[in-house]
Amino acid sequence: MKRILTTVAALAISGQFATAAEIAPSDVVYEDGAIAASLTGGTPGDVENGRKLMNKGAGNCIACHEVTDLKDLPFHGEIGPMLDGVADRWSEAELRGIIANAKIMFEDTMMPSFYKTEGFIRLGDAYTGKAHEGEVAPLLTAQEVEDVVAYLMTLKDE
């Protein structure tokens, strides 16, 4: 028993202890639109990076949503609902599902699917007017989805 505990401790310290693997977009399991399991296999989301993704890159959530916590940033959208208090309205699993593929929970939503790589119709190649070729990458990585969810979980009504 002592040898097993010593081996486990040595593996954990050396970083060689196996961790759960990232879930690929095609392997995500939705339960009523929610995703219970972390997409990263357990690596927690980074709240600060999630806050940045709300305004930059493929996330750019404030193009459609307003967030009082981000009032220092210009041009908040009014297409999607206000995100203040979103952590009080939705669970972490529900927020993960909405970010990954909102169309599962809200069929008619305009919100893009940020963690989806298949099932598209007439997918274009940027602004060229040509059809996309090859595999499709998700708009956000598994870690970025977890980062946005971690940030959204900080948005509670006071």
N, C-alpha and C. Protein backbone atom coordinates (compact mmCIF):
# COMPACT_ATOMS: atom_id res chain seq x y z
N MET A 1 0.83 -1.20 0.00
CA MET A 1 0.00 0.00 0.00
C MET A 1 0.87 1.25 0.00
N LYS A 2 1.94 1.21 0.80
CA LYS A 2 2.84 2.36 0.88
C LYS A 2 3.49 2.63 -0.47
N ARG A 3 3.85 1.56 -1.20
CA ARG A 3 4.47 1.70 -2.51
C ARG A 3 3.50 2.34 -3.51
N ILE A 4 2.24 1.95 -3.47
CA ILE A 4 1.22 2.51 -4.38
C ILE A 4 1.05 4.00 -4.10
N LEU A 5 0.92 4.37 -2.83
CA LEU A 5 0.76 5.78 -2.48
C LEU A 5 1.98 6.59 -2.89
N THR A 6 3.16 6.04 -2.71
CA THR A 6 4.39 6.73 -3.11
C THR A 6 4.43 6.93 -4.62
N THR A 7 4.04 5.91 -5.37
CA THR A 7 4.03 6.00 -6.84
C THR A 7 3.02 7.04 -7.30
N VAL A 8 1.82 7.02 -6.73
CA VAL A 8 0.81 8.00 -7.09
C VAL A 8 1.28 9.41 -6.77
N ALA A 9 1.87 9.60 -5.62
CA ALA A 9 2.38 10.92 -5.24
C ALA A 9 3.48 11.37 -6.19
N ALA A 10 4.37 10.47 -6.57
CA ALA A 10 5.46 10.82 -7.50
C ALA A 10 4.91 11.20 -8.87
N LEU A 11 3.92 10.46 -9.35
CA LEU A 11 3.31 10.78 -10.64
C LEU A 11 2.59 12.13 -10.60
N ALA A 12 1.90 12.40 -9.51
CA ALA A 12 1.18 13.67 -9.38
C ALA A 12 2.16 14.83 -9.35
N ILE A 13 3.25 14.69 -8.63
CA ILE A 13 4.25 15.75 -8.53
C ILE A 13 4.94 15.97 -9.88
N SER A 14 5.20 14.89 -10.61
CA SER A 14 5.91 15.01 -11.89
C SER A 14 5.00 15.45 -13.02
N GLY A 15 3.69 15.50 -12.78
CA GLY A 15 2.76 15.93 -13.83
C GLY A 15 2.42 14.81 -14.81
N GLN A 16 2.80 13.58 -14.50
CA GLN A 16 2.55 12.47 -15.40
C GLN A 16 1.28 11.71 -15.05
N PHE A 17 0.57 12.17 -14.08
CA PHE A 17 -0.67 11.52 -13.68
C PHE A 17 -1.72 11.83 -14.74
N ALA A 18 -2.40 10.82 -15.24
CA ALA A 18 -3.36 11.00 -16.32
C ALA A 18 -4.55 11.83 -15.85
N THR A 19 -4.95 12.76 -16.70
CA THR A 19 -6.14 13.55 -16.42
C THR A 19 -7.18 13.25 -17.49
N ALA A 20 -8.40 13.59 -17.22
CA ALA A 20 -9.46 13.37 -18.20
C ALA A 20 -9.16 14.17 -19.46
N ALA A 21 -9.52 13.60 -20.59
CA ALA A 21 -9.23 14.23 -21.88
C ALA A 21 -10.28 15.25 -22.25
N GLU A 22 -9.87 16.18 -23.11
CA GLU A 22 -10.77 17.18 -23.66
C GLU A 22 -11.86 16.47 -24.47
N ILE A 23 -13.06 16.99 -24.40
CA ILE A 23 -14.18 16.43 -25.15
C ILE A 23 -14.24 17.13 -26.51
N ALA A 24 -14.19 16.37 -27.58
CA ALA A 24 -14.27 16.92 -28.93
C ALA A 24 -15.69 17.43 -29.19
N PRO A 25 -15.84 18.44 -30.04
CA PRO A 25 -17.18 18.97 -30.32
C PRO A 25 -18.18 17.89 -30.75
N SER A 26 -17.76 16.91 -31.52
CA SER A 26 -18.67 15.87 -31.98
C SER A 26 -19.02 14.85 -30.90
N ASP A 27 -18.30 14.88 -29.77
CA ASP A 27 -18.54 13.94 -28.67
C ASP A 27 -19.27 14.55 -27.48
N VAL A 28 -19.65 15.81 -27.59
CA VAL A 28 -20.33 16.48 -26.48
C VAL A 28 -21.70 15.86 -26.25
N VAL A 29 -22.01 15.63 -24.99
CA VAL A 29 -23.32 15.07 -24.61
C VAL A 29 -24.16 16.19 -23.99
N TYR A 30 -25.30 16.45 -24.62
CA TYR A 30 -26.23 17.48 -24.14
C TYR A 30 -27.38 16.81 -23.41
N GLU A 31 -27.78 17.37 -22.29
CA GLU A 31 -28.94 16.91 -21.54
C GLU A 31 -29.87 18.09 -21.39
N ASP A 32 -30.94 18.11 -22.18
CA ASP A 32 -31.86 19.24 -22.21
C ASP A 32 -31.13 20.55 -22.52
N GLY A 33 -30.14 20.47 -23.40
CA GLY A 33 -29.38 21.65 -23.80
C GLY A 33 -28.18 21.95 -22.93
N ALA A 34 -28.07 21.30 -21.79
CA ALA A 34 -26.96 21.54 -20.86
C ALA A 34 -25.85 20.52 -21.08
N ILE A 35 -24.63 20.91 -20.69
CA ILE A 35 -23.48 20.01 -20.75
C ILE A 35 -22.92 19.91 -19.34
N ALA A 36 -23.11 18.77 -18.71
CA ALA A 36 -22.68 18.60 -17.33
C ALA A 36 -21.16 18.52 -17.19
N ALA A 37 -20.50 17.84 -18.10
CA ALA A 37 -19.06 17.62 -18.00
C ALA A 37 -18.27 18.80 -18.57
N SER A 38 -17.19 19.12 -17.91
CA SER A 38 -16.28 20.14 -18.41
C SER A 38 -15.74 19.70 -19.77
N LEU A 39 -15.69 20.60 -20.73
CA LEU A 39 -15.18 20.27 -22.06
C LEU A 39 -13.68 20.04 -22.05
N THR A 40 -13.00 20.54 -21.04
CA THR A 40 -11.55 20.39 -20.95
C THR A 40 -11.14 19.14 -20.21
N GLY A 41 -12.07 18.40 -19.70
CA GLY A 41 -11.73 17.22 -18.92
C GLY A 41 -11.40 17.57 -17.49
N GLY A 42 -11.73 18.78 -17.07
CA GLY A 42 -11.53 19.16 -15.67
C GLY A 42 -10.68 20.39 -15.45
N THR A 43 -9.97 20.85 -16.47
CA THR A 43 -9.19 22.08 -16.30
C THR A 43 -10.16 23.23 -16.09
N PRO A 44 -10.06 23.96 -14.98
CA PRO A 44 -11.02 25.03 -14.70
C PRO A 44 -10.88 26.19 -15.68
N GLY A 45 -11.97 26.91 -15.84
CA GLY A 45 -11.97 28.09 -16.69
C GLY A 45 -11.24 29.25 -16.03
N ASP A 46 -10.66 30.10 -16.85
CA ASP A 46 -9.94 31.30 -16.41
C ASP A 46 -10.87 32.50 -16.54
N VAL A 47 -11.31 33.04 -15.41
CA VAL A 47 -12.28 34.13 -15.40
C VAL A 47 -11.76 35.33 -16.19
N GLU A 48 -10.51 35.70 -16.01
CA GLU A 48 -9.97 36.88 -16.71
C GLU A 48 -9.92 36.67 -18.22
N ASN A 49 -9.53 35.49 -18.66
CA ASN A 49 -9.53 35.23 -20.10
C ASN A 49 -10.96 35.21 -20.63
N GLY A 50 -11.88 34.67 -19.85
CA GLY A 50 -13.28 34.68 -20.23
C GLY A 50 -13.80 36.09 -20.40
N ARG A 51 -13.39 36.98 -19.51
CA ARG A 51 -13.79 38.40 -19.61
C ARG A 51 -13.25 39.00 -20.91
N LYS A 52 -12.01 38.67 -21.26
CA LYS A 52 -11.42 39.18 -22.51
C LYS A 52 -12.15 38.63 -23.73
N LEU A 53 -12.51 37.36 -23.69
CA LEU A 53 -13.20 36.75 -24.82
C LEU A 53 -14.58 37.35 -25.04
N MET A 54 -15.16 37.93 -24.01
CA MET A 54 -16.46 38.57 -24.14
C MET A 54 -16.40 39.73 -25.13
N ASN A 55 -15.21 40.29 -25.34
CA ASN A 55 -15.06 41.45 -26.20
C ASN A 55 -14.16 41.22 -27.40
N LYS A 56 -13.39 40.18 -27.42
CA LYS A 56 -12.41 40.02 -28.48
C LYS A 56 -12.48 38.65 -29.13
N GLY A 57 -11.93 38.57 -30.31
CA GLY A 57 -11.79 37.29 -30.99
C GLY A 57 -13.12 36.68 -31.36
N ALA A 58 -13.12 35.37 -31.40
CA ALA A 58 -14.30 34.63 -31.83
C ALA A 58 -15.45 34.74 -30.84
N GLY A 59 -15.16 35.06 -29.59
CA GLY A 59 -16.23 35.21 -28.60
C GLY A 59 -17.08 36.43 -28.90
N ASN A 60 -16.52 37.60 -28.68
CA ASN A 60 -17.17 38.89 -28.95
C ASN A 60 -18.64 38.90 -28.54
N CYS A 61 -18.93 38.41 -27.36
CA CYS A 61 -20.30 38.29 -26.85
C CYS A 61 -21.01 39.64 -26.77
N ILE A 62 -20.26 40.70 -26.46
CA ILE A 62 -20.93 42.00 -26.29
C ILE A 62 -21.34 42.62 -27.62
N ALA A 63 -21.04 41.97 -28.73
CA ALA A 63 -21.59 42.45 -30.00
C ALA A 63 -23.11 42.28 -29.99
N CYS A 64 -23.61 41.32 -29.23
CA CYS A 64 -25.05 41.05 -29.15
C CYS A 64 -25.63 41.25 -27.76
N HIS A 65 -24.80 41.15 -26.72
CA HIS A 65 -25.27 41.22 -25.34
C HIS A 65 -24.70 42.44 -24.61
N GLU A 66 -25.46 42.93 -23.66
CA GLU A 66 -24.99 43.99 -22.78
C GLU A 66 -24.57 43.37 -21.45
N VAL A 67 -23.46 43.87 -20.89
CA VAL A 67 -22.96 43.40 -19.60
C VAL A 67 -22.47 44.62 -18.82
N THR A 68 -23.11 44.93 -17.73
CA THR A 68 -22.74 46.11 -16.94
C THR A 68 -21.30 46.04 -16.47
N ASP A 69 -20.82 44.85 -16.10
CA ASP A 69 -19.45 44.68 -15.65
C ASP A 69 -18.44 45.09 -16.72
N LEU A 70 -18.85 45.09 -17.97
CA LEU A 70 -17.96 45.45 -19.08
C LEU A 70 -18.29 46.84 -19.64
N LYS A 71 -18.89 47.68 -18.81
CA LYS A 71 -19.32 49.00 -19.28
C LYS A 71 -18.16 49.87 -19.78
N ASP A 72 -16.91 49.51 -19.40
CA ASP A 72 -15.76 50.26 -19.89
C ASP A 72 -15.48 49.97 -21.37
N LEU A 73 -16.12 48.95 -21.91
CA LEU A 73 -15.95 48.60 -23.32
C LEU A 73 -17.10 49.17 -24.14
N PRO A 74 -16.82 49.67 -25.33
CA PRO A 74 -17.88 50.29 -26.14
C PRO A 74 -18.71 49.28 -26.92
N PHE A 75 -19.83 49.74 -27.41
CA PHE A 75 -20.66 49.05 -28.39
C PHE A 75 -21.27 47.73 -27.92
N HIS A 76 -22.00 47.78 -26.83
CA HIS A 76 -22.73 46.60 -26.38
C HIS A 76 -23.95 46.41 -27.26
N GLY A 77 -24.25 45.17 -27.57
CA GLY A 77 -25.38 44.87 -28.43
C GLY A 77 -26.69 44.80 -27.68
N GLU A 78 -27.77 44.78 -28.45
CA GLU A 78 -29.11 44.71 -27.89
C GLU A 78 -29.92 43.59 -28.53
N ILE A 79 -29.25 42.72 -29.28
CA ILE A 79 -29.94 41.62 -29.95
C ILE A 79 -30.22 40.50 -28.95
N GLY A 80 -29.22 40.15 -28.14
CA GLY A 80 -29.36 39.09 -27.15
C GLY A 80 -29.76 39.68 -25.81
N PRO A 81 -30.14 38.83 -24.88
CA PRO A 81 -30.55 39.33 -23.56
C PRO A 81 -29.37 39.90 -22.76
N MET A 82 -29.69 40.79 -21.85
CA MET A 82 -28.71 41.35 -20.92
C MET A 82 -28.14 40.18 -20.11
N LEU A 83 -26.83 40.18 -19.90
CA LEU A 83 -26.19 39.07 -19.20
C LEU A 83 -25.98 39.33 -17.71
N ASP A 84 -26.34 40.49 -17.21
CA ASP A 84 -26.25 40.73 -15.77
C ASP A 84 -27.13 39.70 -15.05
N GLY A 85 -26.59 39.06 -14.04
CA GLY A 85 -27.34 38.07 -13.27
C GLY A 85 -27.52 36.73 -13.96
N VAL A 86 -26.79 36.50 -15.05
CA VAL A 86 -26.96 35.26 -15.81
C VAL A 86 -26.64 34.03 -14.97
N ALA A 87 -25.72 34.14 -14.01
CA ALA A 87 -25.36 33.00 -13.16
C ALA A 87 -26.48 32.65 -12.18
N ASP A 88 -27.39 33.57 -11.96
CA ASP A 88 -28.54 33.29 -11.11
C ASP A 88 -29.69 32.65 -11.91
N ARG A 89 -29.67 32.85 -13.23
CA ARG A 89 -30.74 32.32 -14.08
C ARG A 89 -30.42 30.94 -14.65
N TRP A 90 -29.13 30.66 -14.84
CA TRP A 90 -28.71 29.42 -15.48
C TRP A 90 -27.63 28.75 -14.64
N SER A 91 -27.60 27.43 -14.68
CA SER A 91 -26.54 26.69 -14.00
C SER A 91 -25.27 26.71 -14.87
N GLU A 92 -24.16 26.28 -14.28
CA GLU A 92 -22.92 26.20 -15.04
C GLU A 92 -23.07 25.27 -16.25
N ALA A 93 -23.73 24.13 -16.05
CA ALA A 93 -23.95 23.18 -17.15
C ALA A 93 -24.81 23.78 -18.25
N GLU A 94 -25.84 24.54 -17.86
CA GLU A 94 -26.70 25.18 -18.86
C GLU A 94 -25.95 26.26 -19.63
N LEU A 95 -25.14 27.06 -18.92
CA LEU A 95 -24.34 28.08 -19.60
C LEU A 95 -23.35 27.44 -20.57
N ARG A 96 -22.73 26.34 -20.16
CA ARG A 96 -21.79 25.63 -21.04
C ARG A 96 -22.51 25.17 -22.30
N GLY A 97 -23.71 24.64 -22.14
CA GLY A 97 -24.50 24.19 -23.29
C GLY A 97 -24.91 25.33 -24.20
N ILE A 98 -25.29 26.45 -23.61
CA ILE A 98 -25.70 27.61 -24.40
C ILE A 98 -24.52 28.15 -25.20
N ILE A 99 -23.35 28.24 -24.59
CA ILE A 99 -22.16 28.73 -25.29
C ILE A 99 -21.78 27.74 -26.40
N ALA A 100 -21.75 26.46 -26.09
CA ALA A 100 -21.32 25.45 -27.07
C ALA A 100 -22.25 25.40 -28.27
N ASN A 101 -23.55 25.34 -28.02
CA ASN A 101 -24.52 25.27 -29.12
C ASN A 101 -25.89 25.69 -28.61
N ALA A 102 -26.14 26.98 -28.62
CA ALA A 102 -27.39 27.53 -28.09
C ALA A 102 -28.62 27.01 -28.81
N LYS A 103 -28.46 26.58 -30.05
CA LYS A 103 -29.61 26.12 -30.83
C LYS A 103 -30.24 24.84 -30.27
N ILE A 104 -29.52 24.11 -29.45
CA ILE A 104 -30.10 22.92 -28.83
C ILE A 104 -31.12 23.32 -27.78
N MET A 105 -30.83 24.38 -27.03
CA MET A 105 -31.77 24.84 -26.01
C MET A 105 -32.80 25.83 -26.57
N PHE A 106 -32.34 26.65 -27.49
CA PHE A 106 -33.20 27.69 -28.08
C PHE A 106 -33.17 27.56 -29.60
N GLU A 107 -34.06 26.77 -30.13
CA GLU A 107 -34.04 26.39 -31.55
C GLU A 107 -33.96 27.58 -32.51
N ASP A 108 -34.64 28.66 -32.23
CA ASP A 108 -34.70 29.79 -33.16
C ASP A 108 -33.70 30.91 -32.85
N THR A 109 -32.75 30.66 -31.98
CA THR A 109 -31.80 31.70 -31.60
C THR A 109 -30.91 32.11 -32.78
N MET A 110 -30.46 33.34 -32.74
CA MET A 110 -29.48 33.83 -33.72
C MET A 110 -28.06 33.61 -33.23
N MET A 111 -27.92 33.19 -31.98
CA MET A 111 -26.61 33.01 -31.39
C MET A 111 -25.84 31.91 -32.11
N PRO A 112 -24.57 32.19 -32.46
CA PRO A 112 -23.78 31.15 -33.12
C PRO A 112 -23.45 30.00 -32.18
N SER A 113 -23.16 28.86 -32.76
CA SER A 113 -22.70 27.70 -32.00
C SER A 113 -21.19 27.80 -31.90
N PHE A 114 -20.69 28.04 -30.71
CA PHE A 114 -19.26 28.30 -30.53
C PHE A 114 -18.41 27.04 -30.42
N TYR A 115 -19.03 25.88 -30.18
CA TYR A 115 -18.27 24.64 -30.06
C TYR A 115 -18.95 23.56 -30.89
N LYS A 116 -19.01 23.80 -32.19
CA LYS A 116 -19.66 22.89 -33.12
C LYS A 116 -18.78 22.82 -34.36
N THR A 117 -18.67 21.63 -34.95
CA THR A 117 -17.82 21.46 -36.13
C THR A 117 -18.49 20.72 -37.27
N GLU A 118 -19.75 20.34 -37.11
CA GLU A 118 -20.43 19.60 -38.17
C GLU A 118 -21.91 19.95 -38.18
N GLY A 119 -22.57 19.56 -39.28
CA GLY A 119 -24.01 19.79 -39.40
C GLY A 119 -24.36 21.16 -39.95
N PHE A 120 -23.39 21.84 -40.54
CA PHE A 120 -23.65 23.15 -41.12
C PHE A 120 -24.25 23.01 -42.52
N ILE A 121 -25.02 23.98 -42.94
CA ILE A 121 -25.59 24.02 -44.28
C ILE A 121 -24.98 25.22 -45.00
N ARG A 122 -24.41 24.98 -46.15
CA ARG A 122 -23.83 26.04 -46.99
C ARG A 122 -22.81 26.88 -46.23
N LEU A 123 -21.87 26.23 -45.61
CA LEU A 123 -20.83 26.93 -44.85
C LEU A 123 -19.90 27.65 -45.83
N GLY A 124 -19.74 28.95 -45.65
CA GLY A 124 -18.90 29.75 -46.54
C GLY A 124 -17.47 29.85 -46.07
N ASP A 125 -16.61 30.30 -46.96
CA ASP A 125 -15.20 30.50 -46.68
C ASP A 125 -14.99 32.00 -46.43
N ALA A 126 -15.17 32.39 -45.18
CA ALA A 126 -15.05 33.79 -44.77
C ALA A 126 -15.96 34.65 -45.64
N TYR A 127 -15.43 35.67 -46.27
CA TYR A 127 -16.23 36.60 -47.06
C TYR A 127 -15.95 36.46 -48.55
N THR A 128 -15.48 35.29 -48.99
CA THR A 128 -15.09 35.10 -50.38
C THR A 128 -16.26 34.73 -51.28
N GLY A 129 -17.35 34.26 -50.69
CA GLY A 129 -18.48 33.79 -51.50
C GLY A 129 -18.29 32.36 -51.97
N LYS A 130 -17.21 31.72 -51.57
CA LYS A 130 -16.93 30.34 -51.97
C LYS A 130 -17.28 29.39 -50.82
N ALA A 131 -17.52 28.14 -51.18
CA ALA A 131 -17.83 27.13 -50.17
C ALA A 131 -16.58 26.79 -49.37
N HIS A 132 -16.78 26.52 -48.10
CA HIS A 132 -15.69 26.12 -47.21
C HIS A 132 -15.19 24.74 -47.61
N GLU A 133 -13.89 24.54 -47.56
CA GLU A 133 -13.30 23.24 -47.84
C GLU A 133 -12.56 22.74 -46.62
N GLY A 134 -12.56 21.42 -46.42
CA GLY A 134 -11.83 20.83 -45.31
C GLY A 134 -12.63 20.81 -44.02
N GLU A 135 -11.92 20.44 -42.96
CA GLU A 135 -12.55 20.34 -41.65
C GLU A 135 -12.85 21.73 -41.08
N VAL A 136 -13.86 21.80 -40.26
CA VAL A 136 -14.28 23.04 -39.63
C VAL A 136 -13.77 23.05 -38.19
N ALA A 137 -13.14 24.14 -37.79
CA ALA A 137 -12.71 24.30 -36.40
C ALA A 137 -13.81 25.01 -35.63
N PRO A 138 -13.97 24.70 -34.34
CA PRO A 138 -14.97 25.44 -33.57
C PRO A 138 -14.55 26.90 -33.41
N LEU A 139 -15.52 27.78 -33.20
CA LEU A 139 -15.22 29.20 -33.01
C LEU A 139 -14.40 29.42 -31.75
N LEU A 140 -14.69 28.66 -30.69
CA LEU A 140 -13.94 28.71 -29.44
C LEU A 140 -13.39 27.32 -29.14
N THR A 141 -12.22 27.27 -28.54
CA THR A 141 -11.67 25.99 -28.09
C THR A 141 -12.43 25.55 -26.84
N ALA A 142 -12.21 24.31 -26.44
CA ALA A 142 -12.82 23.80 -25.21
C ALA A 142 -12.42 24.67 -24.02
N GLN A 143 -11.16 25.05 -23.94
CA GLN A 143 -10.69 25.89 -22.83
C GLN A 143 -11.35 27.26 -22.88
N GLU A 144 -11.50 27.83 -24.06
CA GLU A 144 -12.14 29.15 -24.17
C GLU A 144 -13.60 29.09 -23.77
N VAL A 145 -14.30 28.01 -24.12
CA VAL A 145 -15.69 27.86 -23.66
C VAL A 145 -15.72 27.84 -22.14
N GLU A 146 -14.82 27.06 -21.52
CA GLU A 146 -14.77 26.99 -20.06
C GLU A 146 -14.40 28.35 -19.46
N ASP A 147 -13.55 29.12 -20.13
CA ASP A 147 -13.17 30.45 -19.65
C ASP A 147 -14.38 31.38 -19.66
N VAL A 148 -15.15 31.37 -20.76
CA VAL A 148 -16.35 32.23 -20.85
C VAL A 148 -17.36 31.81 -19.79
N VAL A 149 -17.55 30.51 -19.61
CA VAL A 149 -18.49 30.02 -18.59
C VAL A 149 -18.03 30.48 -17.20
N ALA A 150 -16.73 30.38 -16.93
CA ALA A 150 -16.21 30.82 -15.62
C ALA A 150 -16.50 32.30 -15.40
N TYR A 151 -16.32 33.11 -16.43
CA TYR A 151 -16.63 34.54 -16.29
C TYR A 151 -18.13 34.75 -16.08
N LEU A 152 -18.95 34.09 -16.88
CA LEU A 152 -20.40 34.26 -16.75
C LEU A 152 -20.89 33.85 -15.36
N MET A 153 -20.24 32.86 -14.75
CA MET A 153 -20.63 32.42 -13.42
C MET A 153 -20.36 33.49 -12.36
N THR A 154 -19.60 34.52 -12.70
CA THR A 154 -19.36 35.64 -11.76
C THR A 154 -20.47 36.68 -11.85
N LEU A 155 -21.31 36.61 -12.88
CA LEU A 155 -22.34 37.62 -13.10
C LEU A 155 -23.62 37.25 -12.37
N LYS A 156 -23.66 37.65 -11.10
CA LYS A 156 -24.83 37.36 -10.25
C LYS A 156 -25.51 38.66 -9.86
N ASP A 157 -26.82 38.57 -9.63
CA ASP A 157 -27.55 39.73 -9.13
C ASP A 157 -27.06 40.02 -7.72
N GLU A 158 -27.00 41.27 -7.40
CA GLU A 158 -26.48 41.63 -6.08
C GLU A 158 -27.58 41.88 -5.10
